[in-house]
C-alpha atoms as a PDB file:
ATOM      1  CA  MET A   1       0.000   0.000   0.000  1.00  0.00           C
ATOM      2  CA  THR A   2       1.373   3.408  -1.005  1.00  0.00           C
ATOM      3  CA  GLU A   3       2.849   5.632   1.696  1.00  0.00           C
ATOM      4  CA  LEU A   4       0.932   8.830   2.403  1.00  0.00           C
ATOM      5  CA  ARG A   5       2.538  12.253   2.113  1.00  0.00           C
ATOM      6  CA  HIS A   6       1.379  15.630   3.391  1.00  0.00           C
ATOM      7  CA  ASP A   7       4.320  17.790   2.295  1.00  0.00           C
ATOM      8  CA  TRP A   8       3.836  18.333  -1.434  1.00  0.00           C
ATOM      9  CA  SER A   9       5.206  21.511  -3.017  1.00  0.00           C
ATOM     10  CA  LEU A  10       3.571  23.359  -5.903  1.00  0.00           C
ATOM     11  CA  ASP A  11       6.563  23.084  -8.229  1.00  0.00           C
ATOM     12  CA  GLU A  12       6.814  19.352  -7.535  1.00  0.00           C
ATOM     13  CA  VAL A  13       3.160  18.705  -8.302  1.00  0.00           C
ATOM     14  CA  VAL A  14       3.070  20.908 -11.404  1.00  0.00           C
ATOM     15  CA  LYS A  15       6.042  18.941 -12.739  1.00  0.00           C
ATOM     16  CA  LEU A  16       4.135  15.735 -12.034  1.00  0.00           C
ATOM     17  CA  TYR A  17       1.047  17.112 -13.808  1.00  0.00           C
ATOM     18  CA  GLU A  18       2.953  18.301 -16.893  1.00  0.00           C
ATOM     19  CA  GLN A  19       4.910  15.107 -17.600  1.00  0.00           C
ATOM     20  CA  PRO A  20       4.002  13.145 -20.759  1.00  0.00           C
ATOM     21  CA  PHE A  21       0.396  11.969 -20.622  1.00  0.00           C
ATOM     22  CA  ASN A  22       1.203   8.265 -20.862  1.00  0.00           C
ATOM     23  CA  ASP A  23       3.806   8.489 -18.108  1.00  0.00           C
ATOM     24  CA  LEU A  24       1.372  10.296 -15.813  1.00  0.00           C
ATOM     25  CA  LEU A  25      -1.399   7.774 -16.424  1.00  0.00           C
ATOM     26  CA  PHE A  26       0.955   4.847 -15.923  1.00  0.00           C
ATOM     27  CA  GLN A  27       2.084   6.270 -12.578  1.00  0.00           C
ATOM     28  CA  ALA A  28      -1.457   7.057 -11.460  1.00  0.00           C
ATOM     29  CA  HIS A  29      -2.811   3.659 -12.480  1.00  0.00           C
ATOM     30  CA  SER A  30       0.051   1.903 -10.713  1.00  0.00           C
ATOM     31  CA  VAL A  31      -0.765   3.759  -7.490  1.00  0.00           C
ATOM     32  CA  HIS A  32      -4.441   3.002  -7.967  1.00  0.00           C
ATOM     33  CA  ARG A  33      -3.797  -0.709  -8.535  1.00  0.00           C
ATOM     34  CA  ASP A  34      -1.562  -0.857  -5.446  1.00  0.00           C
ATOM     35  CA  ASN A  35      -4.349   0.412  -3.210  1.00  0.00           C
ATOM     36  CA  PHE A  36      -7.703  -0.496  -4.761  1.00  0.00           C
ATOM     37  CA  ASP A  37      -9.414  -2.996  -6.977  1.00  0.00           C
ATOM     38  CA  PRO A  38      -8.856  -1.277 -10.363  1.00  0.00           C
ATOM     39  CA  ASN A  39     -12.081  -2.754 -11.717  1.00  0.00           C
ATOM     40  CA  ALA A  40     -14.524  -1.560  -9.061  1.00  0.00           C
ATOM     41  CA  VAL A  41     -16.272   1.739  -8.394  1.00  0.00           C
ATOM     42  CA  GLN A  42     -18.384   3.054  -5.544  1.00  0.00           C
ATOM     43  CA  MET A  43     -21.773   4.524  -6.487  1.00  0.00           C
ATOM     44  CA  SER A  44     -23.326   7.458  -4.650  1.00  0.00           C
ATOM     45  CA  THR A  45     -26.567   9.341  -5.218  1.00  0.00           C
ATOM     46  CA  LEU A  46     -27.027  13.027  -4.423  1.00  0.00           C
ATOM     47  CA  LEU A  47     -30.386  14.567  -3.546  1.00  0.00           C
ATOM     48  CA  SER A  48     -31.122  18.258  -3.036  1.00  0.00           C
ATOM     49  CA  ILE A  49     -33.123  18.276   0.185  1.00  0.00           C
ATOM     50  CA  LYS A  50     -33.423  22.076   0.233  1.00  0.00           C
ATOM     51  CA  THR A  51     -33.007  23.977  -3.024  1.00  0.00           C
ATOM     52  CA  GLY A  52     -32.283  27.620  -3.842  1.00  0.00           C
ATOM     53  CA  GLY A  53     -32.227  30.789  -1.795  1.00  0.00           C
ATOM     54  CA  CYS A  54     -28.591  30.499  -0.700  1.00  0.00           C
ATOM     55  CA  PRO A  55     -27.061  33.817   0.441  1.00  0.00           C
ATOM     56  CA  GLU A  56     -23.561  32.862  -0.769  1.00  0.00           C
ATOM     57  CA  ASP A  57     -22.238  34.385  -4.001  1.00  0.00           C
ATOM     58  CA  CYS A  58     -20.337  31.364  -5.403  1.00  0.00           C
ATOM     59  CA  ALA A  59     -19.813  32.341  -9.034  1.00  0.00           C
ATOM     60  CA  TYR A  60     -20.630  28.853 -10.337  1.00  0.00           C
ATOM     61  CA  CYS A  61     -23.790  28.165  -8.353  1.00  0.00           C
ATOM     62  CA  PRO A  62     -27.329  28.442  -9.758  1.00  0.00           C
ATOM     63  CA  GLN A  63     -28.782  28.256  -6.227  1.00  0.00           C
ATOM     64  CA  SER A  64     -27.381  31.628  -5.145  1.00  0.00           C
ATOM     65  CA  VAL A  65     -29.890  34.427  -4.501  1.00  0.00           C
ATOM     66  CA  HIS A  66     -27.446  36.764  -6.259  1.00  0.00           C
ATOM     67  CA  TYR A  67     -28.152  35.276  -9.711  1.00  0.00           C
ATOM     68  CA  ASP A  68     -31.252  34.760 -11.838  1.00  0.00           C
ATOM     69  CA  THR A  69     -30.940  31.171 -13.044  1.00  0.00           C
ATOM     70  CA  GLY A  70     -34.522  29.938 -12.969  1.00  0.00           C
ATOM     71  CA  VAL A  71     -33.903  27.380 -10.215  1.00  0.00           C
ATOM     72  CA  ASP A  72     -37.105  25.947  -8.768  1.00  0.00           C
ATOM     73  CA  ALA A  73     -36.575  26.644  -5.063  1.00  0.00           C
ATOM     74  CA  HIS A  74     -38.135  24.427  -2.409  1.00  0.00           C
ATOM     75  CA  PRO A  75     -37.873  24.129   1.396  1.00  0.00           C
ATOM     76  CA  LEU A  76     -36.509  21.125   3.278  1.00  0.00           C
ATOM     77  CA  LEU A  77     -38.060  17.910   1.967  1.00  0.00           C
ATOM     78  CA  PRO A  78     -40.169  15.777   4.319  1.00  0.00           C
ATOM     79  CA  VAL A  79     -38.683  12.574   5.712  1.00  0.00           C
ATOM     80  CA  GLU A  80     -40.900  10.270   3.644  1.00  0.00           C
ATOM     81  CA  ASP A  81     -39.760  11.868   0.369  1.00  0.00           C
ATOM     82  CA  VAL A  82     -36.100  11.529   1.301  1.00  0.00           C
ATOM     83  CA  VAL A  83     -36.493   7.893   2.367  1.00  0.00           C
ATOM     84  CA  ALA A  84     -38.287   7.077  -0.887  1.00  0.00           C
ATOM     85  CA  ALA A  85     -35.409   8.618  -2.853  1.00  0.00           C
ATOM     86  CA  ALA A  86     -32.871   6.663  -0.786  1.00  0.00           C
ATOM     87  CA  LYS A  87     -34.679   3.402  -1.490  1.00  0.00           C
ATOM     88  CA  ARG A  88     -34.638   4.123  -5.231  1.00  0.00           C
ATOM     89  CA  ALA A  89     -30.931   4.915  -5.047  1.00  0.00           C
ATOM     90  CA  LYS A  90     -30.164   1.693  -3.195  1.00  0.00           C
ATOM     91  CA  ASP A  91     -32.177  -0.349  -5.693  1.00  0.00           C
ATOM     92  CA  ALA A  92     -30.130   1.276  -8.478  1.00  0.00           C
ATOM     93  CA  GLY A  93     -26.853   0.180  -6.884  1.00  0.00           C
ATOM     94  CA  ALA A  94     -25.801   3.157  -4.779  1.00  0.00           C
ATOM     95  CA  THR A  95     -24.164   2.412  -1.420  1.00  0.00           C
ATOM     96  CA  ARG A  96     -24.003   6.022  -0.239  1.00  0.00           C
ATOM     97  CA  PHE A  97     -26.837   8.548  -0.132  1.00  0.00           C
ATOM     98  CA  CYS A  98     -25.796  12.197  -0.128  1.00  0.00           C
ATOM     99  CA  MET A  99     -28.092  15.057   0.842  1.00  0.00           C
ATOM    100  CA  GLY A 100     -27.415  18.696  -0.006  1.00  0.00           C
ATOM    101  CA  ALA A 101     -29.085  21.791   1.410  1.00  0.00           C
ATOM    102  CA  ALA A 102     -28.499  25.269  -0.002  1.00  0.00           C
ATOM    103  CA  TRP A 103     -27.549  26.986   3.241  1.00  0.00           C
ATOM    104  CA  ARG A 104     -24.614  29.203   4.148  1.00  0.00           C
ATOM    105  CA  LYS A 105     -24.636  27.717   7.635  1.00  0.00           C
ATOM    106  CA  PRO A 106     -27.544  25.786   9.149  1.00  0.00           C
ATOM    107  CA  THR A 107     -29.294  26.802  12.340  1.00  0.00           C
ATOM    108  CA  ASN A 108     -29.363  24.372  15.237  1.00  0.00           C
ATOM    109  CA  ARG A 109     -33.010  23.613  14.444  1.00  0.00           C
ATOM    110  CA  GLN A 110     -32.114  22.819  10.836  1.00  0.00           C
ATOM    111  CA  VAL A 111     -29.332  20.496  12.001  1.00  0.00           C
ATOM    112  CA  ASP A 112     -31.874  18.690  14.186  1.00  0.00           C
ATOM    113  CA  GLN A 113     -34.138  18.270  11.146  1.00  0.00           C
ATOM    114  CA  VAL A 114     -31.287  16.886   9.033  1.00  0.00           C
ATOM    115  CA  ALA A 115     -30.290  14.539  11.859  1.00  0.00           C
ATOM    116  CA  GLU A 116     -33.744  12.971  11.564  1.00  0.00           C
ATOM    117  CA  LEU A 117     -33.164  12.447   7.833  1.00  0.00           C
ATOM    118  CA  ILE A 118     -29.767  10.856   8.492  1.00  0.00           C
ATOM    119  CA  GLU A 119     -31.247   8.374  10.923  1.00  0.00           C
ATOM    120  CA  ALA A 120     -34.006   7.467   8.468  1.00  0.00           C
ATOM    121  CA  VAL A 121     -31.571   6.887   5.575  1.00  0.00           C
ATOM    122  CA  ARG A 122     -29.236   4.807   7.738  1.00  0.00           C
ATOM    123  CA  ASP A 123     -32.196   2.593   8.588  1.00  0.00           C
ATOM    124  CA  GLU A 124     -32.259   1.730   4.863  1.00  0.00           C
ATOM    125  CA  GLY A 125     -28.732   0.306   5.166  1.00  0.00           C
ATOM    126  CA  MET A 126     -26.855   3.035   3.306  1.00  0.00           C
ATOM    127  CA  ASP A 127     -23.873   5.210   4.136  1.00  0.00           C
ATOM    128  CA  THR A 128     -24.928   8.807   4.636  1.00  0.00           C
ATOM    129  CA  CYS A 129     -23.338  12.083   3.554  1.00  0.00           C
ATOM    130  CA  VAL A 130     -24.635  15.627   3.852  1.00  0.00           C
ATOM    131  CA  THR A 131     -23.477  19.045   2.711  1.00  0.00           C
ATOM    132  CA  LEU A 132     -25.069  21.907   4.603  1.00  0.00           C
ATOM    133  CA  GLY A 133     -22.472  24.685   4.591  1.00  0.00           C
ATOM    134  CA  MET A 134     -20.411  25.792   7.562  1.00  0.00           C
ATOM    135  CA  LEU A 135     -20.724  23.831  10.807  1.00  0.00           C
ATOM    136  CA  THR A 136     -19.909  24.623  14.409  1.00  0.00           C
ATOM    137  CA  GLU A 137     -18.296  21.981  16.628  1.00  0.00           C
ATOM    138  CA  PRO A 138     -21.572  21.161  18.471  1.00  0.00           C
ATOM    139  CA  GLN A 139     -23.433  20.886  15.160  1.00  0.00           C
ATOM    140  CA  ALA A 140     -20.848  18.476  13.775  1.00  0.00           C
ATOM    141  CA  GLN A 141     -21.137  16.383  16.910  1.00  0.00           C
ATOM    142  CA  LYS A 142     -24.939  16.359  16.600  1.00  0.00           C
ATOM    143  CA  LEU A 143     -24.662  14.963  13.055  1.00  0.00           C
ATOM    144  CA  LYS A 144     -22.128  12.371  14.200  1.00  0.00           C
ATOM    145  CA  THR A 145     -24.462  11.252  16.979  1.00  0.00           C
ATOM    146  CA  ALA A 146     -27.236  10.870  14.410  1.00  0.00           C
ATOM    147  CA  GLY A 147     -24.999   8.417  12.545  1.00  0.00           C
ATOM    148  CA  LEU A 148     -23.612  10.590   9.732  1.00  0.00           C
ATOM    149  CA  ASP A 149     -20.754   8.840   7.915  1.00  0.00           C
ATOM    150  CA  TYR A 150     -19.429  11.645   5.675  1.00  0.00           C
ATOM    151  CA  TYR A 151     -19.621  15.411   5.620  1.00  0.00           C
ATOM    152  CA  ASN A 152     -19.016  17.134   2.290  1.00  0.00           C
ATOM    153  CA  HIS A 153     -17.439  20.565   2.314  1.00  0.00           C
ATOM    154  CA  ASN A 154     -15.443  21.372  -0.814  1.00  0.00           C
ATOM    155  CA  LEU A 155     -12.527  23.801  -0.944  1.00  0.00           C
ATOM    156  CA  ASP A 156     -13.655  24.586  -4.523  1.00  0.00           C
ATOM    157  CA  THR A 157     -10.336  26.011  -5.761  1.00  0.00           C
ATOM    158  CA  SER A 158      -6.862  27.027  -4.650  1.00  0.00           C
ATOM    159  CA  PRO A 159      -6.386  29.699  -1.970  1.00  0.00           C
ATOM    160  CA  ASP A 160      -4.861  32.099  -4.512  1.00  0.00           C
ATOM    161  CA  LEU A 161      -7.929  31.971  -6.772  1.00  0.00           C
ATOM    162  CA  TYR A 162     -10.601  31.685  -4.115  1.00  0.00           C
ATOM    163  CA  ASP A 163     -11.512  35.395  -3.884  1.00  0.00           C
ATOM    164  CA  ASN A 164     -12.267  35.402  -7.612  1.00  0.00           C
ATOM    165  CA  ILE A 165     -14.956  32.773  -7.073  1.00  0.00           C
ATOM    166  CA  ILE A 166     -16.481  33.497  -3.644  1.00  0.00           C
ATOM    167  CA  THR A 167     -16.512  36.587  -1.430  1.00  0.00           C
ATOM    168  CA  THR A 168     -19.136  35.632   1.193  1.00  0.00           C
ATOM    169  CA  ARG A 169     -17.071  32.903   2.893  1.00  0.00           C
ATOM    170  CA  THR A 170     -13.332  32.715   3.477  1.00  0.00           C
ATOM    171  CA  TYR A 171     -10.982  29.831   2.790  1.00  0.00           C
ATOM    172  CA  GLN A 172     -10.288  29.654   6.506  1.00  0.00           C
ATOM    173  CA  ASP A 173     -14.032  29.263   7.133  1.00  0.00           C
ATOM    174  CA  ARG A 174     -13.941  26.145   4.994  1.00  0.00           C
ATOM    175  CA  LEU A 175     -10.881  24.726   6.718  1.00  0.00           C
ATOM    176  CA  GLU A 176     -12.437  25.308  10.141  1.00  0.00           C
ATOM    177  CA  THR A 177     -15.563  23.375   9.155  1.00  0.00           C
ATOM    178  CA  LEU A 178     -13.381  20.500   7.938  1.00  0.00           C
ATOM    179  CA  GLN A 179     -11.589  20.477  11.280  1.00  0.00           C
ATOM    180  CA  ASN A 180     -14.901  20.488  13.176  1.00  0.00           C
ATOM    181  CA  VAL A 181     -15.986  17.472  11.132  1.00  0.00           C
ATOM    182  CA  ARG A 182     -12.705  15.671  11.874  1.00  0.00           C
ATOM    183  CA  ASP A 183     -12.919  16.472  15.566  1.00  0.00           C
ATOM    184  CA  ALA A 184     -16.398  14.934  15.646  1.00  0.00           C
ATOM    185  CA  GLY A 185     -14.978  11.691  14.238  1.00  0.00           C
ATOM    186  CA  MET A 186     -16.616  11.752  10.799  1.00  0.00           C
ATOM    187  CA  ASN A 187     -15.189  11.008   7.368  1.00  0.00           C
ATOM    188  CA  VAL A 188     -14.439  14.003   5.155  1.00  0.00           C
ATOM    189  CA  CYS A 189     -15.654  14.375   1.584  1.00  0.00           C
ATOM    190  CA  CYS A 190     -13.774  17.313   0.098  1.00  0.00           C
ATOM    191  CA  GLY A 191     -12.720  18.265  -3.412  1.00  0.00           C
ATOM    192  CA  GLY A 192     -13.297  21.091  -5.819  1.00  0.00           C
ATOM    193  CA  ILE A 193     -14.213  22.364  -9.255  1.00  0.00           C
ATOM    194  CA  VAL A 194     -11.942  22.698 -12.265  1.00  0.00           C
ATOM    195  CA  GLY A 195     -12.591  24.593 -15.475  1.00  0.00           C
ATOM    196  CA  MET A 196     -13.326  27.902 -13.735  1.00  0.00           C
ATOM    197  CA  GLY A 197     -10.648  29.724 -15.730  1.00  0.00           C
ATOM    198  CA  GLU A 198      -7.692  28.550 -13.635  1.00  0.00           C
ATOM    199  CA  ASP A 199      -4.333  27.511 -15.073  1.00  0.00           C
ATOM    200  CA  ASN A 200      -2.337  24.361 -14.297  1.00  0.00           C
ATOM    201  CA  ARG A 201      -0.852  25.879 -11.150  1.00  0.00           C
ATOM    202  CA  GLY A 202      -4.313  26.818  -9.951  1.00  0.00           C
ATOM    203  CA  ARG A 203      -5.633  23.285 -10.393  1.00  0.00           C
ATOM    204  CA  MET A 204      -2.612  21.812  -8.670  1.00  0.00           C
ATOM    205  CA  GLY A 205      -2.882  24.381  -5.882  1.00  0.00           C
ATOM    206  CA  LEU A 206      -6.306  22.928  -5.037  1.00  0.00           C
ATOM    207  CA  LEU A 207      -4.992  19.354  -4.980  1.00  0.00           C
ATOM    208  CA  ILE A 208      -2.044  20.354  -2.791  1.00  0.00           C
ATOM    209  CA  GLU A 209      -4.397  21.930  -0.241  1.00  0.00           C
ATOM    210  CA  LEU A 210      -6.312  18.646  -0.082  1.00  0.00           C
ATOM    211  CA  ALA A 211      -3.243  16.397   0.009  1.00  0.00           C
ATOM    212  CA  ASN A 212      -1.440  18.480   2.635  1.00  0.00           C
ATOM    213  CA  LEU A 213      -4.330  18.404   5.112  1.00  0.00           C
ATOM    214  CA  PRO A 214      -3.399  16.547   8.336  1.00  0.00           C
ATOM    215  CA  GLU A 215      -5.544  13.658   7.050  1.00  0.00           C
ATOM    216  CA  HIS A 216      -6.472  13.115   3.425  1.00  0.00           C
ATOM    217  CA  PRO A 217     -10.200  13.317   2.704  1.00  0.00           C
ATOM    218  CA  GLU A 218     -11.655   9.833   2.468  1.00  0.00           C
ATOM    219  CA  SER A 219     -13.619  10.998  -0.569  1.00  0.00           C
ATOM    220  CA  VAL A 220     -12.345  13.529  -3.140  1.00  0.00           C
ATOM    221  CA  PRO A 221     -14.958  14.719  -5.663  1.00  0.00           C
ATOM    222  CA  ILE A 222     -13.464  16.249  -8.810  1.00  0.00           C
ATOM    223  CA  ASN A 223     -16.073  18.416 -10.536  1.00  0.00           C
ATOM    224  CA  MET A 224     -15.916  19.858 -14.030  1.00  0.00           C
ATOM    225  CA  LEU A 225     -17.616  23.260 -14.090  1.00  0.00           C
ATOM    226  CA  VAL A 226     -21.199  22.995 -15.326  1.00  0.00           C
ATOM    227  CA  GLN A 227     -21.918  26.379 -16.832  1.00  0.00           C
ATOM    228  CA  VAL A 228     -25.350  27.699 -15.914  1.00  0.00           C
ATOM    229  CA  GLU A 229     -26.761  30.725 -17.669  1.00  0.00           C
ATOM    230  CA  GLY A 230     -27.151  33.597 -15.225  1.00  0.00           C
ATOM    231  CA  THR A 231     -24.071  32.765 -13.156  1.00  0.00           C
ATOM    232  CA  PRO A 232     -20.877  34.842 -13.513  1.00  0.00           C
ATOM    233  CA  LEU A 233     -18.892  31.857 -14.816  1.00  0.00           C
ATOM    234  CA  HIS A 234     -21.282  31.202 -17.690  1.00  0.00           C
ATOM    235  CA  GLY A 235     -19.291  31.633 -20.879  1.00  0.00           C
ATOM    236  CA  THR A 236     -15.965  30.542 -19.381  1.00  0.00           C
ATOM    237  CA  GLU A 237     -13.728  28.769 -21.883  1.00  0.00           C
ATOM    238  CA  ASP A 238     -14.190  25.007 -21.607  1.00  0.00           C
ATOM    239  CA  LEU A 239     -11.373  23.055 -19.994  1.00  0.00           C
ATOM    240  CA  ASP A 240      -9.626  20.632 -22.325  1.00  0.00           C
ATOM    241  CA  ILE A 241     -10.666  17.109 -21.338  1.00  0.00           C
ATOM    242  CA  PHE A 242      -7.057  15.915 -21.176  1.00  0.00           C
ATOM    243  CA  GLU A 243      -6.382  18.561 -18.516  1.00  0.00           C
ATOM    244  CA  PHE A 244      -9.289  17.148 -16.526  1.00  0.00           C
ATOM    245  CA  ILE A 245      -7.950  13.591 -16.849  1.00  0.00           C
ATOM    246  CA  ARG A 246      -4.520  14.818 -15.754  1.00  0.00           C
ATOM    247  CA  THR A 247      -6.142  16.381 -12.680  1.00  0.00           C
ATOM    248  CA  VAL A 248      -7.800  13.071 -11.768  1.00  0.00           C
ATOM    249  CA  ALA A 249      -4.477  11.265 -12.201  1.00  0.00           C
ATOM    250  CA  VAL A 250      -2.600  13.673  -9.943  1.00  0.00           C
ATOM    251  CA  ALA A 251      -5.353  13.452  -7.315  1.00  0.00           C
ATOM    252  CA  ARG A 252      -4.897   9.683  -7.290  1.00  0.00           C
ATOM    253  CA  ILE A 253      -1.117   9.966  -6.894  1.00  0.00           C
ATOM    254  CA  LEU A 254      -1.294  12.574  -4.135  1.00  0.00           C
ATOM    255  CA  MET A 255      -4.104  10.848  -2.201  1.00  0.00           C
ATOM    256  CA  PRO A 256      -3.599   7.131  -2.881  1.00  0.00           C
ATOM    257  CA  HIS A 257      -5.980   5.803  -0.206  1.00  0.00           C
ATOM    258  CA  SER A 258      -8.870   8.162  -1.010  1.00  0.00           C
ATOM    259  CA  PHE A 259     -11.840   7.498  -3.222  1.00  0.00           C
ATOM    260  CA  VAL A 260     -11.576   9.900  -6.174  1.00  0.00           C
ATOM    261  CA  ARG A 261     -15.047  10.642  -7.493  1.00  0.00           C
ATOM    262  CA  LEU A 262     -16.101  11.810 -10.931  1.00  0.00           C
ATOM    263  CA  SER A 263     -18.770  14.323 -10.050  1.00  0.00           C
ATOM    264  CA  ALA A 264     -20.365  17.217 -11.932  1.00  0.00           C
ATOM    265  CA  GLY A 265     -19.827  17.593 -15.652  1.00  0.00           C
ATOM    266  CA  ARG A 266     -19.972  13.954 -16.747  1.00  0.00           C
ATOM    267  CA  THR A 267     -22.820  14.621 -19.187  1.00  0.00           C
ATOM    268  CA  ASP A 268     -20.348  16.570 -21.320  1.00  0.00           C
ATOM    269  CA  MET A 269     -17.695  13.832 -21.241  1.00  0.00           C
ATOM    270  CA  THR A 270     -17.450  11.079 -23.818  1.00  0.00           C
ATOM    271  CA  ALA A 271     -17.436   7.452 -22.761  1.00  0.00           C
ATOM    272  CA  GLU A 272     -13.795   7.311 -23.798  1.00  0.00           C
ATOM    273  CA  ALA A 273     -12.875  10.247 -21.568  1.00  0.00           C
ATOM    274  CA  GLN A 274     -14.594   8.685 -18.574  1.00  0.00           C
ATOM    275  CA  ALA A 275     -12.822   5.384 -19.254  1.00  0.00           C
ATOM    276  CA  LEU A 276      -9.483   7.209 -19.130  1.00  0.00           C
ATOM    277  CA  CYS A 277     -10.526   8.798 -15.837  1.00  0.00           C
ATOM    278  CA  PHE A 278     -11.218   5.350 -14.384  1.00  0.00           C
ATOM    279  CA  PHE A 279      -7.826   4.160 -15.615  1.00  0.00           C
ATOM    280  CA  ALA A 280      -6.231   7.242 -14.047  1.00  0.00           C
ATOM    281  CA  GLY A 281      -7.655   6.354 -10.641  1.00  0.00           C
ATOM    282  CA  ALA A 282     -11.241   7.579 -10.384  1.00  0.00           C
ATOM    283  CA  ASN A 283     -13.203   4.933  -8.494  1.00  0.00           C
ATOM    284  CA  SER A 284     -16.433   6.585  -7.470  1.00  0.00           C
ATOM    285  CA  VAL A 285     -19.263   8.266  -9.374  1.00  0.00           C
ATOM    286  CA  PHE A 286     -22.591   9.885  -8.678  1.00  0.00           C
ATOM    287  CA  SER A 287     -25.476   7.918 -10.168  1.00  0.00           C
ATOM    288  CA  GLY A 288     -28.892   9.342 -10.924  1.00  0.00           C
ATOM    289  CA  ASP A 289     -30.146  11.873 -13.444  1.00  0.00           C
ATOM    290  CA  LYS A 290     -29.416  14.995 -11.384  1.00  0.00           C
ATOM    291  CA  LEU A 291     -26.722  16.449  -9.109  1.00  0.00           C
ATOM    292  CA  LEU A 292     -28.600  18.946  -6.958  1.00  0.00           C
ATOM    293  CA  THR A 293     -29.831  21.133  -9.855  1.00  0.00           C
ATOM    294  CA  THR A 294     -27.531  20.128 -12.736  1.00  0.00           C
ATOM    295  CA  PRO A 295     -27.839  17.124 -15.085  1.00  0.00           C
ATOM    296  CA  ASN A 296     -26.070  13.799 -14.611  1.00  0.00           C
ATOM    297  CA  PRO A 297     -25.970  10.608 -16.734  1.00  0.00           C
ATOM    298  CA  GLU A 298     -28.883   8.204 -16.341  1.00  0.00           C
ATOM    299  CA  VAL A 299     -28.315   5.116 -14.183  1.00  0.00           C
ATOM    300  CA  ASP A 300     -28.833   2.753 -17.132  1.00  0.00           C
ATOM    301  CA  GLU A 301     -26.271   4.691 -19.164  1.00  0.00           C
ATOM    302  CA  ASP A 302     -23.703   4.351 -16.377  1.00  0.00           C
ATOM    303  CA  GLN A 303     -24.376   0.644 -15.926  1.00  0.00           C
ATOM    304  CA  LEU A 304     -23.891   0.010 -19.647  1.00  0.00           C
ATOM    305  CA  GLN A 305     -20.647   1.989 -19.658  1.00  0.00           C
ATOM    306  CA  LEU A 306     -19.263   0.088 -16.661  1.00  0.00           C
ATOM    307  CA  GLN A 307     -20.336  -3.236 -18.159  1.00  0.00           C
ATOM    308  CA  LYS A 308     -18.415  -2.462 -21.356  1.00  0.00           C
ATOM    309  CA  LEU A 309     -15.314  -1.713 -19.288  1.00  0.00           C
ATOM    310  CA  GLY A 310     -15.651  -4.788 -17.079  1.00  0.00           C
ATOM    311  CA  ILE A 311     -15.962  -2.584 -13.996  1.00  0.00           C
ATOM    312  CA  ARG A 312     -18.176  -3.770 -11.156  1.00  0.00           C
ATOM    313  CA  THR A 313     -19.851  -1.664  -8.498  1.00  0.00           C
ATOM    314  CA  TYR A 314     -19.350  -2.202  -4.798  1.00  0.00           C
ATOM    315  CA  THR A 315     -22.428  -3.902  -3.407  1.00  0.00           C
ATOM    316  CA  SER A 316     -22.356  -2.614   0.158  1.00  0.00           C
ATOM    317  CA  ALA A 317     -21.202   0.352   2.162  1.00  0.00           C
ATOM    318  CA  GLU A 318     -18.852  -1.907   4.135  1.00  0.00           C
ATOM    319  CA  GLU A 319     -17.148  -3.235   1.011  1.00  0.00           C
ATOM    320  CA  ALA A 320     -16.623   0.282  -0.332  1.00  0.00           C
ATOM    321  CA  ALA A 321     -15.381   1.787   2.931  1.00  0.00           C
ATOM    322  CA  PRO A 322     -12.235   3.834   2.233  1.00  0.00           C
ATOM    323  CA  GLN A 323     -10.586   2.523   5.388  1.00  0.00           C
ATOM    324  CA  VAL A 324     -10.503  -0.925   3.756  1.00  0.00           C
ATOM    325  CA  ASN A 325      -8.305  -0.366   0.727  1.00  0.00           C
ATOM    326  CA  ARG A 326      -7.582  -3.654  -1.003  1.00  0.00           C
ATOM    327  CA  ALA A 327      -4.223  -4.149  -2.658  1.00  0.00           C
ATOM    328  CA  VAL A 328      -4.568  -6.100  -5.889  1.00  0.00           C
ATOM    329  CA  THR A 329      -1.964  -8.563  -7.056  1.00  0.00           C
ATOM    330  CA  GLY A 330      -1.412 -10.109 -10.415  1.00  0.00           C
END
């Protein structure tokens, strides 16, 4: 199993990123094969449990109150609706059910409401993940007590570029929430978005922040920007797909024991591009036709793609647990 590092430098990682494509993929796949079954992926499903009306000004987000994007806002979903969605996700092969609420930071009452949802989803035999915004220490502990397995809180981009994307929350705010989640004893799901106009050093700056945390996130979602009309980033030049694949490969090398998840933007990727991402070390995807408010490939489409590649899906939360990385021989 590959040794973990937390002392990467920017120049070192940029050099890694910019090496010949085949060399980078060979290195990334070798690391992946040393730590995981290279022919298995973990499936998650993401549900928006509270949509729209967020006071943050994230330049990519259609749920912000600062932008007119036509999002159909709705309050927190009732328990029965969430449980029904979790059952459908489990039947479709997902082992983790993720719930997202468009809040800057939840109130204590809202955390209590989400805790009820967590308990209900866990009763269905699934891992649980939520993303609610900034958390205090007591709030994180409340979610842990309810049985929450993962808390998602993305860094989004590198510290140097952050102020160009968000002004209503600082980078330190994000890091403090991650620490509160760690202190409560939960797994961390943390990644970011590429294709927001950053250069190679900007993309690698994000990965270095993740890899140099005291503990690597157990789950690292890599999102391609989904451009939504009405947001400031609509019209940004598309990121070359090979740059995205390189980013996935470097994430795998830097965080060898983490699940690297293909997240937003897969509807604009060819089957061939996604296959290269799997070879480069991606071993988790979101299934279902929507990620919060943006489109995602249909479940049947994903299953057909994985079948063509000879890739199986983990059948239980226990089998896919990131703490149980399986070295593969032969």
